[in-house]
Amino acid sequence: MILQEIVAKNIKGYRLKHNLTQENLASKAKMHSNHLARMERGEEGVAASLATIEKIAKALKIPPHLLLVPDSYKS
């Protein structure tokens, strides 16, 4: 699995684990919900920057590195 897919899967997994909609998480992370949705789908050309990973992790109240670890949301 490529890193973009891991990040996409983890963002969605943590979002659902925290009972947040894409709109809720995007608002907390101060980003557009369409961008978040495209990241969650792992769309080509929509890779998350380190700054974006940091904003999303902060909104989810998790350490940023967890978004890079395969299936970390399951633990």
PDB file of N, CA and C in Angstrom:
ATOM      1  N   MET A   1       0.853  -1.179   0.000  1.00  0.00           N
ATOM      2  CA  MET A   1       0.000   0.000   0.000  1.00  0.00           C
ATOM      3  C   MET A   1       0.898   1.242   0.000  1.00  0.00           C
ATOM      4  N   ILE A   2       0.528   2.220  -0.803  1.00  0.00           N
ATOM      5  CA  ILE A   2       1.324   3.440  -0.853  1.00  0.00           C
ATOM      6  C   ILE A   2       0.906   4.389   0.276  1.00  0.00           C
ATOM      7  N   LEU A   3       1.796   5.284   0.615  1.00  0.00           N
ATOM      8  CA  LEU A   3       1.583   6.177   1.757  1.00  0.00           C
ATOM      9  C   LEU A   3       0.305   6.997   1.614  1.00  0.00           C
ATOM     10  N   GLN A   4       0.008   7.464   0.421  1.00  0.00           N
ATOM     11  CA  GLN A   4      -1.210   8.257   0.205  1.00  0.00           C
ATOM     12  C   GLN A   4      -2.450   7.446   0.577  1.00  0.00           C
ATOM     13  N   GLU A   5      -2.459   6.166   0.254  1.00  0.00           N
ATOM     14  CA  GLU A   5      -3.595   5.300   0.601  1.00  0.00           C
ATOM     15  C   GLU A   5      -3.680   5.074   2.111  1.00  0.00           C
ATOM     16  N   ILE A   6      -2.524   4.935   2.743  1.00  0.00           N
ATOM     17  CA  ILE A   6      -2.490   4.747   4.204  1.00  0.00           C
ATOM     18  C   ILE A   6      -3.065   5.972   4.895  1.00  0.00           C
ATOM     19  N   VAL A   7      -2.615   7.159   4.481  1.00  0.00           N
ATOM     20  CA  VAL A   7      -3.100   8.402   5.083  1.00  0.00           C
ATOM     21  C   VAL A   7      -4.600   8.543   4.848  1.00  0.00           C
ATOM     22  N   ALA A   8      -5.046   8.265   3.633  1.00  0.00           N
ATOM     23  CA  ALA A   8      -6.472   8.380   3.304  1.00  0.00           C
ATOM     24  C   ALA A   8      -7.312   7.469   4.192  1.00  0.00           C
ATOM     25  N   LYS A   9      -6.893   6.218   4.312  1.00  0.00           N
ATOM     26  CA  LYS A   9      -7.629   5.246   5.114  1.00  0.00           C
ATOM     27  C   LYS A   9      -7.643   5.640   6.591  1.00  0.00           C
ATOM     28  N   ASN A  10      -6.519   6.125   7.093  1.00  0.00           N
ATOM     29  CA  ASN A  10      -6.436   6.531   8.493  1.00  0.00           C
ATOM     30  C   ASN A  10      -7.272   7.771   8.791  1.00  0.00           C
ATOM     31  N   ILE A  11      -7.259   8.742   7.891  1.00  0.00           N
ATOM     32  CA  ILE A  11      -8.082   9.942   8.116  1.00  0.00           C
ATOM     33  C   ILE A  11      -9.543   9.527   8.248  1.00  0.00           C
ATOM     34  N   LYS A  12     -10.016   8.722   7.316  1.00  0.00           N
ATOM     35  CA  LYS A  12     -11.408   8.286   7.364  1.00  0.00           C
ATOM     36  C   LYS A  12     -11.682   7.441   8.612  1.00  0.00           C
ATOM     37  N   GLY A  13     -10.769   6.529   8.925  1.00  0.00           N
ATOM     38  CA  GLY A  13     -10.945   5.671  10.093  1.00  0.00           C
ATOM     39  C   GLY A  13     -11.022   6.457  11.388  1.00  0.00           C
ATOM     40  N   TYR A  14     -10.100   7.389  11.584  1.00  0.00           N
ATOM     41  CA  TYR A  14     -10.124   8.208  12.803  1.00  0.00           C
ATOM     42  C   TYR A  14     -11.350   9.123  12.826  1.00  0.00           C
ATOM     43  N   ARG A  15     -11.719   9.656  11.666  1.00  0.00           N
ATOM     44  CA  ARG A  15     -12.895  10.525  11.603  1.00  0.00           C
ATOM     45  C   ARG A  15     -14.141   9.763  12.058  1.00  0.00           C
ATOM     46  N   LEU A  16     -14.308   8.560  11.539  1.00  0.00           N
ATOM     47  CA  LEU A  16     -15.462   7.747  11.920  1.00  0.00           C
ATOM     48  C   LEU A  16     -15.390   7.314  13.380  1.00  0.00           C
ATOM     49  N   LYS A  17     -14.189   7.003  13.842  1.00  0.00           N
ATOM     50  CA  LYS A  17     -13.991   6.609  15.243  1.00  0.00           C
ATOM     51  C   LYS A  17     -14.393   7.746  16.192  1.00  0.00           C
ATOM     52  N   HIS A  18     -14.181   8.988  15.743  1.00  0.00           N
ATOM     53  CA  HIS A  18     -14.543  10.157  16.549  1.00  0.00           C
ATOM     54  C   HIS A  18     -15.952  10.654  16.242  1.00  0.00           C
ATOM     55  N   ASN A  19     -16.701   9.872  15.461  1.00  0.00           N
ATOM     56  CA  ASN A  19     -18.086  10.230  15.102  1.00  0.00           C
ATOM     57  C   ASN A  19     -18.203  11.619  14.485  1.00  0.00           C
ATOM     58  N   LEU A  20     -17.295  11.926  13.569  1.00  0.00           N
ATOM     59  CA  LEU A  20     -17.309  13.216  12.888  1.00  0.00           C
ATOM     60  C   LEU A  20     -17.710  13.032  11.426  1.00  0.00           C
ATOM     61  N   THR A  21     -18.428  14.003  10.893  1.00  0.00           N
ATOM     62  CA  THR A  21     -18.681  14.025   9.461  1.00  0.00           C
ATOM     63  C   THR A  21     -17.459  14.643   8.786  1.00  0.00           C
ATOM     64  N   GLN A  22     -17.393  14.521   7.479  1.00  0.00           N
ATOM     65  CA  GLN A  22     -16.301  15.178   6.763  1.00  0.00           C
ATOM     66  C   GLN A  22     -16.364  16.681   6.977  1.00  0.00           C
ATOM     67  N   GLU A  23     -17.552  17.229   6.995  1.00  0.00           N
ATOM     68  CA  GLU A  23     -17.728  18.669   7.201  1.00  0.00           C
ATOM     69  C   GLU A  23     -17.244  19.098   8.589  1.00  0.00           C
ATOM     70  N   ASN A  24     -17.572  18.276   9.615  1.00  0.00           N
ATOM     71  CA  ASN A  24     -17.122  18.587  10.983  1.00  0.00           C
ATOM     72  C   ASN A  24     -15.605  18.600  11.070  1.00  0.00           C
ATOM     73  N   LEU A  25     -14.985  17.544  10.546  1.00  0.00           N
ATOM     74  CA  LEU A  25     -13.529  17.451  10.615  1.00  0.00           C
ATOM     75  C   LEU A  25     -12.871  18.557   9.812  1.00  0.00           C
ATOM     76  N   ALA A  26     -13.380  18.821   8.624  1.00  0.00           N
ATOM     77  CA  ALA A  26     -12.809  19.878   7.799  1.00  0.00           C
ATOM     78  C   ALA A  26     -12.880  21.221   8.518  1.00  0.00           C
ATOM     79  N   SER A  27     -13.995  21.482   9.170  1.00  0.00           N
ATOM     80  CA  SER A  27     -14.148  22.733   9.908  1.00  0.00           C
ATOM     81  C   SER A  27     -13.136  22.822  11.047  1.00  0.00           C
ATOM     82  N   LYS A  28     -12.992  21.738  11.807  1.00  0.00           N
ATOM     83  CA  LYS A  28     -12.024  21.717  12.918  1.00  0.00           C
ATOM     84  C   LYS A  28     -10.592  21.890  12.413  1.00  0.00           C
ATOM     85  N   ALA A  29     -10.308  21.339  11.217  1.00  0.00           N
ATOM     86  CA  ALA A  29      -8.959  21.411  10.650  1.00  0.00           C
ATOM     87  C   ALA A  29      -8.752  22.677   9.820  1.00  0.00           C
ATOM     88  N   LYS A  30      -9.800  23.499   9.737  1.00  0.00           N
ATOM     89  CA  LYS A  30      -9.745  24.749   8.973  1.00  0.00           C
ATOM     90  C   LYS A  30      -9.351  24.501   7.519  1.00  0.00           C
ATOM     91  N   MET A  31     -10.107  23.595   6.885  1.00  0.00           N
ATOM     92  CA  MET A  31      -9.890  23.298   5.476  1.00  0.00           C
ATOM     93  C   MET A  31     -11.240  23.075   4.816  1.00  0.00           C
ATOM     94  N   HIS A  32     -11.261  23.038   3.507  1.00  0.00           N
ATOM     95  CA  HIS A  32     -12.507  22.853   2.777  1.00  0.00           C
ATOM     96  C   HIS A  32     -12.912  21.384   2.804  1.00  0.00           C
ATOM     97  N   SER A  33     -14.185  21.128   3.018  1.00  0.00           N
ATOM     98  CA  SER A  33     -14.662  19.743   3.116  1.00  0.00           C
ATOM     99  C   SER A  33     -14.461  18.964   1.813  1.00  0.00           C
ATOM    100  N   ASN A  34     -14.520  19.629   0.670  1.00  0.00           N
ATOM    101  CA  ASN A  34     -14.277  18.942  -0.604  1.00  0.00           C
ATOM    102  C   ASN A  34     -12.842  18.424  -0.679  1.00  0.00           C
ATOM    103  N   HIS A  35     -11.907  19.209  -0.179  1.00  0.00           N
ATOM    104  CA  HIS A  35     -10.499  18.792  -0.182  1.00  0.00           C
ATOM    105  C   HIS A  35     -10.315  17.579   0.731  1.00  0.00           C
ATOM    106  N   LEU A  36     -10.916  17.628   1.902  1.00  0.00           N
ATOM    107  CA  LEU A  36     -10.831  16.499   2.835  1.00  0.00           C
ATOM    108  C   LEU A  36     -11.438  15.247   2.201  1.00  0.00           C
ATOM    109  N   ALA A  37     -12.591  15.386   1.574  1.00  0.00           N
ATOM    110  CA  ALA A  37     -13.253  14.242   0.934  1.00  0.00           C
ATOM    111  C   ALA A  37     -12.368  13.636  -0.142  1.00  0.00           C
ATOM    112  N   ARG A  38     -11.732  14.469  -0.933  1.00  0.00           N
ATOM    113  CA  ARG A  38     -10.838  13.977  -1.994  1.00  0.00           C
ATOM    114  C   ARG A  38      -9.619  13.287  -1.400  1.00  0.00           C
ATOM    115  N   MET A  39      -9.115  13.795  -0.273  1.00  0.00           N
ATOM    116  CA  MET A  39      -7.986  13.153   0.394  1.00  0.00           C
ATOM    117  C   MET A  39      -8.397  11.783   0.916  1.00  0.00           C
ATOM    118  N   GLU A  40      -9.577  11.696   1.535  1.00  0.00           N
ATOM    119  CA  GLU A  40     -10.060  10.417   2.060  1.00  0.00           C
ATOM    120  C   GLU A  40     -10.231   9.371   0.966  1.00  0.00           C
ATOM    121  N   ARG A  41     -10.595   9.817  -0.209  1.00  0.00           N
ATOM    122  CA  ARG A  41     -10.749   8.882  -1.333  1.00  0.00           C
ATOM    123  C   ARG A  41      -9.407   8.542  -1.968  1.00  0.00           C
ATOM    124  N   GLY A  42      -8.354   9.241  -1.567  1.00  0.00           N
ATOM    125  CA  GLY A  42      -7.025   8.995  -2.118  1.00  0.00           C
ATOM    126  C   GLY A  42      -6.925   9.364  -3.583  1.00  0.00           C
ATOM    127  N   GLU A  43      -7.665  10.400  -3.978  1.00  0.00           N
ATOM    128  CA  GLU A  43      -7.668  10.810  -5.375  1.00  0.00           C
ATOM    129  C   GLU A  43      -6.277  11.206  -5.841  1.00  0.00           C
ATOM    130  N   GLU A  44      -5.994  10.857  -7.056  1.00  0.00           N
ATOM    131  CA  GLU A  44      -4.713  11.197  -7.674  1.00  0.00           C
ATOM    132  C   GLU A  44      -4.541  12.712  -7.691  1.00  0.00           C
ATOM    133  N   GLY A  45      -3.368  13.163  -7.338  1.00  0.00           N
ATOM    134  CA  GLY A  45      -3.064  14.587  -7.349  1.00  0.00           C
ATOM    135  C   GLY A  45      -3.547  15.332  -6.111  1.00  0.00           C
ATOM    136  N   VAL A  46      -4.081  14.620  -5.121  1.00  0.00           N
ATOM    137  CA  VAL A  46      -4.569  15.261  -3.899  1.00  0.00           C
ATOM    138  C   VAL A  46      -3.824  14.678  -2.709  1.00  0.00           C
ATOM    139  N   ALA A  47      -2.532  14.770  -2.750  1.00  0.00           N
ATOM    140  CA  ALA A  47      -1.706  14.276  -1.650  1.00  0.00           C
ATOM    141  C   ALA A  47      -1.719  15.285  -0.504  1.00  0.00           C
ATOM    142  N   ALA A  48      -1.705  14.788   0.705  1.00  0.00           N
ATOM    143  CA  ALA A  48      -1.711  15.653   1.885  1.00  0.00           C
ATOM    144  C   ALA A  48      -0.301  16.177   2.157  1.00  0.00           C
ATOM    145  N   SER A  49      -0.197  17.474   2.340  1.00  0.00           N
ATOM    146  CA  SER A  49       1.090  18.051   2.736  1.00  0.00           C
ATOM    147  C   SER A  49       1.307  17.765   4.215  1.00  0.00           C
ATOM    148  N   LEU A  50       2.519  17.946   4.672  1.00  0.00           N
ATOM    149  CA  LEU A  50       2.800  17.755   6.099  1.00  0.00           C
ATOM    150  C   LEU A  50       1.992  18.732   6.947  1.00  0.00           C
ATOM    151  N   ALA A  51       1.831  19.942   6.457  1.00  0.00           N
ATOM    152  CA  ALA A  51       1.045  20.936   7.191  1.00  0.00           C
ATOM    153  C   ALA A  51      -0.410  20.492   7.308  1.00  0.00           C
ATOM    154  N   THR A  52      -0.949  19.912   6.240  1.00  0.00           N
ATOM    155  CA  THR A  52      -2.329  19.427   6.262  1.00  0.00           C
ATOM    156  C   THR A  52      -2.469  18.230   7.198  1.00  0.00           C
ATOM    157  N   ILE A  53      -1.519  17.323   7.159  1.00  0.00           N
ATOM    158  CA  ILE A  53      -1.534  16.173   8.072  1.00  0.00           C
ATOM    159  C   ILE A  53      -1.519  16.661   9.511  1.00  0.00           C
ATOM    160  N   GLU A  54      -0.706  17.653   9.780  1.00  0.00           N
ATOM    161  CA  GLU A  54      -0.624  18.208  11.132  1.00  0.00           C
ATOM    162  C   GLU A  54      -1.949  18.841  11.556  1.00  0.00           C
ATOM    163  N   LYS A  55      -2.605  19.584  10.656  1.00  0.00           N
ATOM    164  CA  LYS A  55      -3.888  20.215  10.985  1.00  0.00           C
ATOM    165  C   LYS A  55      -4.970  19.172  11.244  1.00  0.00           C
ATOM    166  N   ILE A  56      -4.997  18.132  10.428  1.00  0.00           N
ATOM    167  CA  ILE A  56      -6.005  17.082  10.597  1.00  0.00           C
ATOM    168  C   ILE A  56      -5.760  16.329  11.905  1.00  0.00           C
ATOM    169  N   ALA A  57      -4.508  15.992  12.175  1.00  0.00           N
ATOM    170  CA  ALA A  57      -4.180  15.284  13.420  1.00  0.00           C
ATOM    171  C   ALA A  57      -4.559  16.128  14.635  1.00  0.00           C
ATOM    172  N   LYS A  58      -4.288  17.402  14.581  1.00  0.00           N
ATOM    173  CA  LYS A  58      -4.642  18.290  15.699  1.00  0.00           C
ATOM    174  C   LYS A  58      -6.159  18.304  15.891  1.00  0.00           C
ATOM    175  N   ALA A  59      -6.899  18.368  14.797  1.00  0.00           N
ATOM    176  CA  ALA A  59      -8.366  18.365  14.875  1.00  0.00           C
ATOM    177  C   ALA A  59      -8.886  17.051  15.452  1.00  0.00           C
ATOM    178  N   LEU A  60      -8.180  15.952  15.158  1.00  0.00           N
ATOM    179  CA  LEU A  60      -8.568  14.634  15.673  1.00  0.00           C
ATOM    180  C   LEU A  60      -7.993  14.355  17.060  1.00  0.00           C
ATOM    181  N   LYS A  61      -7.120  15.254  17.533  1.00  0.00           N
ATOM    182  CA  LYS A  61      -6.456  15.118  18.835  1.00  0.00           C
ATOM    183  C   LYS A  61      -5.634  13.826  18.918  1.00  0.00           C
ATOM    184  N   ILE A  62      -4.843  13.612  17.852  1.00  0.00           N
ATOM    185  CA  ILE A  62      -3.927  12.473  17.802  1.00  0.00           C
ATOM    186  C   ILE A  62      -2.555  12.972  17.352  1.00  0.00           C
ATOM    187  N   PRO A  63      -1.479  12.244  17.657  1.00  0.00           N
ATOM    188  CA  PRO A  63      -0.170  12.619  17.144  1.00  0.00           C
ATOM    189  C   PRO A  63      -0.150  12.453  15.620  1.00  0.00           C
ATOM    190  N   PRO A  64       0.433  13.397  14.889  1.00  0.00           N
ATOM    191  CA  PRO A  64       0.432  13.341  13.426  1.00  0.00           C
ATOM    192  C   PRO A  64       0.995  12.052  12.835  1.00  0.00           C
ATOM    193  N   HIS A  65       1.982  11.461  13.487  1.00  0.00           N
ATOM    194  CA  HIS A  65       2.604  10.267  12.909  1.00  0.00           C
ATOM    195  C   HIS A  65       1.627   9.097  12.793  1.00  0.00           C
ATOM    196  N   LEU A  66       0.561   9.100  13.587  1.00  0.00           N
ATOM    197  CA  LEU A  66      -0.402   8.000  13.515  1.00  0.00           C
ATOM    198  C   LEU A  66      -1.119   7.945  12.168  1.00  0.00           C
ATOM    199  N   LEU A  67      -1.196   9.073  11.485  1.00  0.00           N
ATOM    200  CA  LEU A  67      -1.835   9.084  10.151  1.00  0.00           C
ATOM    201  C   LEU A  67      -0.959   8.411   9.107  1.00  0.00           C
ATOM    202  N   LEU A  68       0.298   8.141   9.446  1.00  0.00           N
ATOM    203  CA  LEU A  68       1.232   7.518   8.505  1.00  0.00           C
ATOM    204  C   LEU A  68       1.434   6.028   8.760  1.00  0.00           C
ATOM    205  N   VAL A  69       0.877   5.528   9.850  1.00  0.00           N
ATOM    206  CA  VAL A  69       1.044   4.122  10.245  1.00  0.00           C
ATOM    207  C   VAL A  69      -0.156   3.315   9.725  1.00  0.00           C
ATOM    208  N   PRO A  70       0.081   2.269   8.961  1.00  0.00           N
ATOM    209  CA  PRO A  70      -1.031   1.491   8.408  1.00  0.00           C
ATOM    210  C   PRO A  70      -2.033   1.034   9.469  1.00  0.00           C
ATOM    211  N   ASP A  71      -3.294   1.324   9.226  1.00  0.00           N
ATOM    212  CA  ASP A  71      -4.414   0.898  10.074  1.00  0.00           C
ATOM    213  C   ASP A  71      -4.280   1.299  11.546  1.00  0.00           C
ATOM    214  N   SER A  72      -3.626   2.412  11.821  1.00  0.00           N
ATOM    215  CA  SER A  72      -3.435   2.825  13.216  1.00  0.00           C
ATOM    216  C   SER A  72      -4.753   3.177  13.893  1.00  0.00           C
ATOM    217  N   TYR A  73      -5.758   3.546  13.127  1.00  0.00           N
ATOM    218  CA  TYR A  73      -7.046   3.895  13.715  1.00  0.00           C
ATOM    219  C   TYR A  73      -7.752   2.703  14.351  1.00  0.00           C
ATOM    220  N   LYS A  74      -7.324   1.498  14.021  1.00  0.00           N
ATOM    221  CA  LYS A  74      -7.965   0.290  14.541  1.00  0.00           C
ATOM    222  C   LYS A  74      -7.570  -0.028  15.984  1.00  0.00           C
ATOM    223  N   SER A  75      -6.501   0.572  16.461  1.00  0.00           N
ATOM    224  CA  SER A  75      -6.050   0.241  17.816  1.00  0.00           C
ATOM    225  C   SER A  75      -6.619   1.173  18.857  1.00  0.00           C
TER     226      SER A  75
END
